[in-house]
Amino acid sequence: MRRGPDGPPRPTCSREHGPAKTEELALSLFEKTVEGICDSILQSRCQVPPEDADARRTEVVQYVLAQHGRMPDYLRLAFRLATWGFELAGLAHGGRVFHRAAHPSRWRQIESWRGGPVPVTRDFIRFYESLIVQCWYAPNGN
């Protein structure tokens, strides 16, 4: 802690919050959002109870993240930005960021984007939903 101009201590910047830490936090937010999308779609579209199939659920999340990682750079960045926007849109839908909201609130947000007037939001949900359902029902996982 350093002393501010008025004398009270103020926090100092640590090396932990540099560009690498910021990138790590952004990546984990992206992954948490993808995990929330997967959980909600599995619960509502595939009728998977939240307490069932943890290993398969993790496999689905990893599959979706792997498909995202295979995208060309310009698409990968666009989907990452759209996913972060979707995460923050949860504040408007239920007062919490998407991955921290309860399933009913998350599902309302997914349905809102699926039926929204902007084609990009419908395509965004269709992208995630198709990968999730495909992986869940594939004979050997993915």
Protein backbone atom coordinates (compact mmCIF):
# COMPACT_ATOMS: atom_id res chain seq x y z
CA MET A 1 0.00 0.00 0.00
CA ARG A 2 1.15 3.50 -0.78
CA ARG A 3 0.00 6.71 0.75
CA GLY A 4 -2.19 8.87 -1.47
CA PRO A 5 -1.81 12.65 -1.71
CA ASP A 6 -4.20 13.08 1.23
CA GLY A 7 -2.42 10.52 3.35
CA PRO A 8 -4.78 7.49 3.36
CA PRO A 9 -3.32 4.27 2.01
CA ARG A 10 -4.30 3.25 -1.47
CA PRO A 11 -3.68 -0.05 -3.17
CA THR A 12 -0.72 -0.42 -5.46
CA CYS A 13 -0.80 -2.25 -8.73
CA SER A 14 0.73 -5.67 -8.52
CA ARG A 15 2.33 -7.57 -11.33
CA GLU A 16 -0.48 -10.12 -11.05
CA HIS A 17 -2.89 -7.74 -12.75
CA GLY A 18 -0.84 -7.12 -15.88
CA PRO A 19 -1.89 -8.02 -19.43
CA ALA A 20 -1.37 -11.75 -18.88
CA LYS A 21 -3.64 -11.78 -15.81
CA THR A 22 -6.28 -9.75 -17.65
CA GLU A 23 -6.19 -12.19 -20.57
CA GLU A 24 -6.50 -15.11 -18.13
CA LEU A 25 -9.53 -13.54 -16.43
CA ALA A 26 -11.15 -12.81 -19.80
CA LEU A 27 -10.56 -16.39 -20.92
CA SER A 28 -12.04 -17.82 -17.75
CA LEU A 29 -15.10 -15.55 -18.12
CA PHE A 30 -15.52 -16.80 -21.67
CA GLU A 31 -15.22 -20.42 -20.53
CA LYS A 32 -17.69 -19.89 -17.67
CA THR A 33 -20.17 -18.33 -20.07
CA VAL A 34 -19.82 -21.24 -22.50
CA GLU A 35 -20.29 -23.64 -19.60
CA GLY A 36 -23.47 -21.82 -18.56
CA ILE A 37 -24.81 -21.91 -22.11
CA CYS A 38 -24.05 -25.64 -22.32
CA ASP A 39 -25.72 -26.37 -18.98
CA SER A 40 -28.89 -24.47 -19.86
CA ILE A 41 -29.23 -25.99 -23.32
CA LEU A 42 -28.56 -29.49 -21.98
CA GLN A 43 -31.21 -29.01 -19.28
CA SER A 44 -33.86 -27.57 -21.57
CA ARG A 45 -33.22 -29.17 -24.96
CA CYS A 46 -31.80 -32.53 -23.92
CA GLN A 47 -33.72 -32.89 -20.62
CA VAL A 48 -30.51 -33.54 -18.68
CA PRO A 49 -31.03 -32.90 -14.95
CA PRO A 50 -28.37 -30.55 -13.55
CA GLU A 51 -26.99 -33.20 -11.19
CA ASP A 52 -26.61 -35.90 -13.88
CA ALA A 53 -23.73 -36.75 -16.17
CA ASP A 54 -21.03 -34.42 -14.91
CA ALA A 55 -18.34 -36.14 -16.99
CA ARG A 56 -20.46 -35.93 -20.15
CA ARG A 57 -21.36 -32.31 -19.40
CA THR A 58 -17.65 -31.47 -19.09
CA GLU A 59 -17.02 -33.31 -22.35
CA VAL A 60 -19.67 -31.19 -24.09
CA VAL A 61 -18.16 -27.95 -22.75
CA GLN A 62 -14.68 -29.03 -23.87
CA TYR A 63 -16.02 -29.96 -27.30
CA VAL A 64 -17.65 -26.55 -27.75
CA LEU A 65 -14.48 -24.77 -26.60
CA ALA A 66 -12.41 -26.92 -28.96
CA GLN A 67 -14.67 -26.03 -31.90
CA HIS A 68 -14.32 -22.37 -31.00
CA GLY A 69 -10.54 -22.81 -30.89
CA ARG A 70 -10.56 -24.25 -34.43
CA MET A 71 -12.21 -21.16 -35.89
CA PRO A 72 -10.18 -18.75 -37.99
CA ASP A 73 -8.85 -15.84 -35.92
CA TYR A 74 -11.38 -13.29 -37.17
CA LEU A 75 -14.34 -15.57 -36.34
CA ARG A 76 -12.88 -16.69 -33.03
CA LEU A 77 -12.54 -13.07 -31.91
CA ALA A 78 -16.05 -12.24 -33.12
CA PHE A 79 -17.57 -15.17 -31.21
CA ARG A 80 -15.56 -14.34 -28.11
CA LEU A 81 -16.84 -10.75 -28.20
CA ALA A 82 -20.40 -11.91 -28.85
CA THR A 83 -20.15 -14.39 -25.96
CA TRP A 84 -18.92 -11.68 -23.61
CA GLY A 85 -21.78 -9.46 -24.78
CA PHE A 86 -24.19 -12.31 -24.10
CA GLU A 87 -22.67 -12.72 -20.62
CA LEU A 88 -23.17 -9.03 -19.82
CA ALA A 89 -26.67 -8.99 -21.32
CA GLY A 90 -27.62 -11.19 -18.39
CA LEU A 91 -27.52 -8.06 -16.25
CA ALA A 92 -30.48 -6.71 -18.23
CA HIS A 93 -32.34 -10.04 -18.28
CA GLY A 94 -32.02 -11.08 -14.66
CA GLY A 95 -29.78 -8.66 -12.82
CA ARG A 96 -26.78 -11.03 -12.87
CA VAL A 97 -24.17 -11.92 -15.43
CA PHE A 98 -25.27 -14.95 -17.41
CA HIS A 99 -23.04 -17.64 -15.89
CA ARG A 100 -24.06 -16.68 -12.33
CA ALA A 101 -27.81 -16.61 -12.99
CA ALA A 102 -30.18 -19.44 -12.15
CA HIS A 103 -31.24 -21.73 -14.99
CA PRO A 104 -34.72 -20.20 -15.50
CA SER A 105 -33.21 -16.75 -15.95
CA ARG A 106 -30.49 -18.09 -18.25
CA TRP A 107 -33.06 -19.96 -20.33
CA ARG A 108 -35.20 -16.82 -20.71
CA GLN A 109 -32.13 -15.01 -22.00
CA ILE A 110 -31.32 -17.79 -24.46
CA GLU A 111 -34.92 -17.80 -25.69
CA SER A 112 -34.86 -14.01 -25.96
CA TRP A 113 -31.77 -14.12 -28.16
CA ARG A 114 -33.13 -17.05 -30.18
CA GLY A 115 -36.30 -15.15 -31.01
CA GLY A 116 -34.75 -11.71 -31.17
CA PRO A 117 -35.19 -9.32 -34.07
CA VAL A 118 -31.45 -9.23 -34.85
CA PRO A 119 -30.29 -12.19 -36.99
CA VAL A 120 -26.88 -12.24 -35.31
CA THR A 121 -28.38 -13.13 -31.94
CA ARG A 122 -30.40 -15.96 -33.47
CA ASP A 123 -27.29 -17.29 -35.25
CA PHE A 124 -25.27 -17.00 -32.04
CA ILE A 125 -27.71 -19.25 -30.17
CA ARG A 126 -28.04 -21.61 -33.13
CA PHE A 127 -24.24 -22.01 -33.24
CA TYR A 128 -23.98 -23.01 -29.60
CA GLU A 129 -27.12 -25.11 -29.59
CA SER A 130 -26.12 -27.15 -32.64
CA LEU A 131 -22.69 -27.96 -31.20
CA ILE A 132 -24.08 -28.86 -27.79
CA VAL A 133 -26.87 -31.09 -29.07
CA GLN A 134 -24.57 -32.70 -31.65
CA CYS A 135 -21.99 -33.59 -29.02
CA TRP A 136 -24.57 -34.80 -26.50
CA TYR A 137 -26.30 -37.16 -28.90
CA ALA A 138 -23.21 -38.35 -30.80
CA PRO A 139 -22.61 -42.06 -30.25
CA ASN A 140 -19.10 -41.63 -28.88
CA GLY A 141 -19.39 -38.15 -27.38
CA ASN A 142 -17.90 -35.91 -30.04
